[in-house]
Amino acid sequence: MHPGCIKCFIEQANKLFVKYGVNEDDARDIVVRLRLFIEDHENTITTPEISCLLHRMIKNVTQTEDLFKKEKKEFNSLLLSLEEELKNSIDQSNDPFQAALRYALAGNVIDFGAPHTFDVFKELSAASSHQPAIDHSERLKTALEQAKTVLYLGDNAGEIVLDKIFIEIINHPDLYYAVRGGNIINDVTLEDADVVGIHKVSKVISNGYDAPSTLLNRCSKEFRKIFNRADVIISKGQGNLEGLIEMQDKSIFFLLMVKCEIIAQRLNVREKSTIVFHNQELLKNK
């Protein structure tokens, strides 16, 4: 595991220790246990699995099931208040698919697990002029037109409203929207899906596991069945990319803002770039 990943986890933990007033002994114990776990599983564990363990330990110590409940509610409400304005902007654009896609990409900035602060208003204002560093969006559009079943993997609360708008534009008759199976960072759950009404434009399903990613070996049988059936998978966010980037036998389009230098180097883009990346292109270049 890259040393930068470990540093990032420790920074995440320290922020939560401060937020919830975790005492020094408990904080030290969590960090020690986390480091030991990473050392013991360094070559077999993914970063989302480590994040899952870290947040479970902090939940247990703080007796708090949803560590970002307030932030999730705040950003769901904020983006819902902007929904009609953004939809009007998309309707008036020359290319509604591209306009909605750019907003969906901009929304990926809403991430309390990333090391950087963010300004969602700034990202939305600049969305139409932001060209993705990797742009397979036309390939995505064609694939969606040909697909029998589409699976859209959600990422963050607030961002889910922009996913909803994009899904309305996609307008596919058999599209599933997947959320996390439990509370983790500010990732979307069934509760968030219900709050923003994404069930009006898609079939909502939980992936059955509380990692900030899609880890198929941990997901529910029901979710895996739909995953295997889908012709096209839209994967939002860096966490989902980390869980699925090695998958070779599915057509996956990764839509995200790159939030760390390690992933940026792997994809040969700059940190904070947005990408619409077809995994088959990565496999071609191996």
Foldseek 3Di string as FASTA:
>chain_A
DDPVLLVLLLVLLVVLCVVLVPDPVLSVVLNVVLVVVCVVQVPPDFSLVSLQSSVVSSCVRSVNFASCVVVLVVLLVVLLVCLVVLLVVLVPDPHSLQSLLLLLQLLQLPFSSFPDDDDSVVSNVCSVVADFPADPPVVVLVLLVVKLAEEEEFAARNSVSSVLSNLVVSQHPHYEYEFEQGHGGRTDDVVSCVSNVSVVRYHYDYQNHHGNERAPVRGDPVNVVSVVRTQEYEYEEDRNCSRPLPDDPHWYWYWYQARDPVVCVVVVHDHRGTHGDTSVVVVVVD
